[in-house]
Amino acid sequence: MRRAVLAGFLVVLIAAAPARADAPAYLPVQGVLVNLADGTPVEGDLMMRFALYTSEIGGTELWNETQWVLVEEGLFTVYLG
């Protein structure tokens, strides 16, 4: 009886262990590019630079990354990190 209680307690203890999830290695980002002059979607392979700053205007750059990005019918997806 004592072993059954101990086994049951261990099962509950293991099941109640907090789940741990690491931060993803890459952040998916999707966007749309259009020509400002006429609104047509942009097409082709473009070099894009992505950056994070400490504030919206005039902040210090914290991180940046440059990638070649395939843009089809104005749509693109990149994985940053």
N, C-alpha and C. Protein backbone atom coordinates (compact mmCIF):
# COMPACT_ATOMS: atom_id res chain seq x y z
N MET A 1 0.83 -1.20 0.00
CA MET A 1 0.00 0.00 0.00
C MET A 1 0.87 1.26 0.00
N ARG A 2 1.91 1.20 0.82
CA ARG A 2 2.79 2.36 0.92
C ARG A 2 3.48 2.63 -0.42
N ARG A 3 3.89 1.57 -1.12
CA ARG A 3 4.53 1.73 -2.43
C ARG A 3 3.57 2.33 -3.45
N ALA A 4 2.31 1.92 -3.39
CA ALA A 4 1.31 2.45 -4.32
C ALA A 4 1.11 3.95 -4.09
N VAL A 5 1.08 4.36 -2.83
CA VAL A 5 0.92 5.78 -2.52
C VAL A 5 2.15 6.56 -2.98
N LEU A 6 3.33 6.00 -2.72
CA LEU A 6 4.57 6.65 -3.15
C LEU A 6 4.63 6.76 -4.67
N ALA A 7 4.26 5.69 -5.37
CA ALA A 7 4.26 5.70 -6.83
C ALA A 7 3.26 6.73 -7.35
N GLY A 8 2.08 6.79 -6.74
CA GLY A 8 1.07 7.77 -7.14
C GLY A 8 1.56 9.19 -6.91
N PHE A 9 2.23 9.41 -5.79
CA PHE A 9 2.78 10.73 -5.48
C PHE A 9 3.84 11.13 -6.50
N LEU A 10 4.70 10.20 -6.88
CA LEU A 10 5.74 10.49 -7.87
C LEU A 10 5.14 10.83 -9.23
N VAL A 11 4.09 10.11 -9.62
CA VAL A 11 3.42 10.40 -10.89
C VAL A 11 2.85 11.82 -10.87
N VAL A 12 2.20 12.19 -9.78
CA VAL A 12 1.63 13.54 -9.67
C VAL A 12 2.75 14.58 -9.67
N LEU A 13 3.82 14.31 -8.97
CA LEU A 13 4.94 15.24 -8.90
C LEU A 13 5.57 15.47 -10.27
N ILE A 14 5.77 14.40 -11.01
CA ILE A 14 6.36 14.50 -12.35
C ILE A 14 5.41 15.22 -13.30
N ALA A 15 4.12 14.91 -13.22
CA ALA A 15 3.14 15.53 -14.11
C ALA A 15 2.99 17.02 -13.81
N ALA A 16 3.24 17.41 -12.57
CA ALA A 16 3.08 18.82 -12.18
C ALA A 16 4.33 19.64 -12.41
N ALA A 17 5.38 19.02 -12.91
CA ALA A 17 6.63 19.75 -13.15
C ALA A 17 6.37 20.86 -14.17
N PRO A 18 6.93 22.02 -13.94
CA PRO A 18 6.68 23.13 -14.87
C PRO A 18 7.23 22.83 -16.26
N ALA A 19 6.46 23.22 -17.26
CA ALA A 19 6.90 23.06 -18.64
C ALA A 19 7.94 24.13 -18.93
N ARG A 20 8.96 23.77 -19.66
CA ARG A 20 10.02 24.72 -19.99
C ARG A 20 10.11 24.83 -21.50
N ALA A 21 10.05 26.05 -21.97
CA ALA A 21 10.17 26.27 -23.41
C ALA A 21 11.25 27.32 -23.65
N ASP A 22 12.22 26.98 -24.46
CA ASP A 22 13.26 27.93 -24.81
C ASP A 22 12.74 28.91 -25.85
N ALA A 23 13.34 30.05 -25.90
CA ALA A 23 12.98 31.03 -26.93
C ALA A 23 13.35 30.45 -28.29
N PRO A 24 12.53 30.72 -29.31
CA PRO A 24 12.86 30.19 -30.64
C PRO A 24 14.16 30.80 -31.16
N ALA A 25 14.87 30.01 -31.95
CA ALA A 25 16.14 30.48 -32.51
C ALA A 25 15.93 31.56 -33.56
N TYR A 26 14.80 31.52 -34.25
CA TYR A 26 14.52 32.48 -35.32
C TYR A 26 13.13 33.06 -35.13
N LEU A 27 12.97 34.31 -35.53
CA LEU A 27 11.69 35.00 -35.47
C LEU A 27 11.15 35.16 -36.88
N PRO A 28 10.02 34.52 -37.22
CA PRO A 28 9.47 34.70 -38.56
C PRO A 28 8.82 36.08 -38.70
N VAL A 29 9.11 36.74 -39.80
CA VAL A 29 8.53 38.06 -40.09
C VAL A 29 7.99 38.03 -41.51
N GLN A 30 6.76 38.49 -41.68
CA GLN A 30 6.14 38.56 -43.01
C GLN A 30 5.82 40.01 -43.31
N GLY A 31 5.86 40.36 -44.59
CA GLY A 31 5.56 41.73 -44.96
C GLY A 31 5.07 41.85 -46.39
N VAL A 32 4.66 43.05 -46.73
CA VAL A 32 4.17 43.38 -48.07
C VAL A 32 4.94 44.60 -48.56
N LEU A 33 5.43 44.52 -49.80
CA LEU A 33 6.12 45.65 -50.42
C LEU A 33 5.39 46.06 -51.68
N VAL A 34 5.08 47.36 -51.76
CA VAL A 34 4.45 47.90 -52.97
C VAL A 34 5.21 49.14 -53.41
N ASN A 35 5.13 49.43 -54.69
CA ASN A 35 5.72 50.63 -55.26
C ASN A 35 4.87 51.82 -54.83
N LEU A 36 5.48 52.79 -54.15
CA LEU A 36 4.72 53.95 -53.67
C LEU A 36 4.16 54.81 -54.79
N ALA A 37 4.80 54.79 -55.95
CA ALA A 37 4.35 55.64 -57.06
C ALA A 37 3.02 55.17 -57.62
N ASP A 38 2.86 53.84 -57.79
CA ASP A 38 1.64 53.36 -58.44
C ASP A 38 0.94 52.22 -57.69
N GLY A 39 1.48 51.79 -56.56
CA GLY A 39 0.82 50.76 -55.76
C GLY A 39 1.00 49.34 -56.25
N THR A 40 1.82 49.13 -57.29
CA THR A 40 2.01 47.77 -57.79
C THR A 40 2.92 46.98 -56.85
N PRO A 41 2.67 45.67 -56.72
CA PRO A 41 3.51 44.84 -55.85
C PRO A 41 4.94 44.74 -56.37
N VAL A 42 5.89 44.72 -55.46
CA VAL A 42 7.30 44.57 -55.80
C VAL A 42 7.59 43.10 -56.06
N GLU A 43 8.49 42.82 -56.99
CA GLU A 43 8.89 41.45 -57.34
C GLU A 43 10.40 41.34 -57.35
N GLY A 44 10.91 40.16 -57.03
CA GLY A 44 12.33 39.88 -57.21
C GLY A 44 13.08 39.58 -55.93
N ASP A 45 14.38 39.36 -56.11
CA ASP A 45 15.29 39.15 -54.98
C ASP A 45 15.83 40.50 -54.54
N LEU A 46 15.60 40.84 -53.29
CA LEU A 46 16.03 42.14 -52.77
C LEU A 46 16.89 41.95 -51.54
N MET A 47 17.91 42.78 -51.41
CA MET A 47 18.68 42.78 -50.17
C MET A 47 17.94 43.69 -49.19
N MET A 48 17.59 43.14 -48.03
CA MET A 48 16.87 43.90 -47.01
C MET A 48 17.67 43.93 -45.72
N ARG A 49 17.61 45.06 -45.06
CA ARG A 49 18.27 45.22 -43.76
C ARG A 49 17.18 45.40 -42.71
N PHE A 50 17.27 44.63 -41.64
CA PHE A 50 16.34 44.69 -40.52
C PHE A 50 17.13 45.14 -39.29
N ALA A 51 16.52 45.98 -38.45
CA ALA A 51 17.24 46.48 -37.28
C ALA A 51 16.26 46.77 -36.14
N LEU A 52 16.77 46.70 -34.91
CA LEU A 52 16.03 47.07 -33.71
C LEU A 52 16.74 48.24 -33.04
N TYR A 53 15.94 49.22 -32.60
CA TYR A 53 16.48 50.42 -31.97
C TYR A 53 15.87 50.60 -30.58
N THR A 54 16.52 51.41 -29.75
CA THR A 54 16.04 51.64 -28.39
C THR A 54 14.79 52.51 -28.35
N SER A 55 14.53 53.28 -29.39
CA SER A 55 13.31 54.08 -29.45
C SER A 55 12.87 54.24 -30.90
N GLU A 56 11.65 54.71 -31.05
CA GLU A 56 11.06 54.83 -32.39
C GLU A 56 11.79 55.85 -33.26
N ILE A 57 12.22 56.95 -32.66
CA ILE A 57 12.91 58.01 -33.40
C ILE A 57 14.22 58.34 -32.68
N GLY A 58 15.34 58.29 -33.41
CA GLY A 58 16.61 58.71 -32.86
C GLY A 58 17.23 57.80 -31.82
N GLY A 59 16.81 56.56 -31.76
CA GLY A 59 17.36 55.64 -30.77
C GLY A 59 18.68 55.04 -31.20
N THR A 60 19.28 54.31 -30.28
CA THR A 60 20.52 53.60 -30.53
C THR A 60 20.21 52.23 -31.11
N GLU A 61 20.95 51.84 -32.12
CA GLU A 61 20.73 50.52 -32.73
C GLU A 61 21.21 49.43 -31.78
N LEU A 62 20.33 48.45 -31.54
CA LEU A 62 20.66 47.31 -30.67
C LEU A 62 21.09 46.09 -31.46
N TRP A 63 20.54 45.93 -32.65
CA TRP A 63 20.77 44.71 -33.44
C TRP A 63 20.43 45.00 -34.89
N ASN A 64 21.12 44.32 -35.83
CA ASN A 64 20.72 44.41 -37.23
C ASN A 64 21.12 43.13 -37.95
N GLU A 65 20.46 42.91 -39.06
CA GLU A 65 20.72 41.73 -39.90
C GLU A 65 20.35 42.09 -41.33
N THR A 66 21.16 41.63 -42.28
CA THR A 66 20.89 41.86 -43.70
C THR A 66 20.73 40.51 -44.38
N GLN A 67 19.71 40.39 -45.23
CA GLN A 67 19.43 39.14 -45.94
C GLN A 67 18.99 39.44 -47.37
N TRP A 68 19.25 38.47 -48.26
CA TRP A 68 18.61 38.48 -49.57
C TRP A 68 17.24 37.85 -49.37
N VAL A 69 16.20 38.54 -49.85
CA VAL A 69 14.82 38.11 -49.62
C VAL A 69 14.10 38.00 -50.96
N LEU A 70 13.43 36.87 -51.18
CA LEU A 70 12.60 36.69 -52.37
C LEU A 70 11.24 37.31 -52.11
N VAL A 71 10.86 38.26 -52.98
CA VAL A 71 9.56 38.93 -52.87
C VAL A 71 8.74 38.51 -54.08
N GLU A 72 7.59 37.91 -53.83
CA GLU A 72 6.69 37.46 -54.90
C GLU A 72 5.33 38.10 -54.72
N GLU A 73 4.88 38.82 -55.74
CA GLU A 73 3.61 39.53 -55.70
C GLU A 73 3.52 40.44 -54.48
N GLY A 74 4.66 41.01 -54.11
CA GLY A 74 4.72 41.94 -53.00
C GLY A 74 4.87 41.31 -51.63
N LEU A 75 4.77 39.98 -51.54
CA LEU A 75 4.80 39.29 -50.25
C LEU A 75 6.17 38.68 -49.98
N PHE A 76 6.60 38.74 -48.73
CA PHE A 76 7.86 38.10 -48.35
C PHE A 76 7.78 37.55 -46.93
N THR A 77 8.61 36.56 -46.67
CA THR A 77 8.78 35.99 -45.33
C THR A 77 10.27 35.85 -45.08
N VAL A 78 10.71 36.30 -43.92
CA VAL A 78 12.11 36.12 -43.51
C VAL A 78 12.13 35.54 -42.10
N TYR A 79 13.24 34.92 -41.78
CA TYR A 79 13.46 34.39 -40.43
C TYR A 79 14.66 35.12 -39.86
N LEU A 80 14.41 35.95 -38.86
CA LEU A 80 15.46 36.77 -38.28
C LEU A 80 16.05 36.09 -37.06
N GLY A 81 17.35 36.25 -36.92
CA GLY A 81 18.01 35.67 -35.75
C GLY A 81 19.21 35.02 -36.17
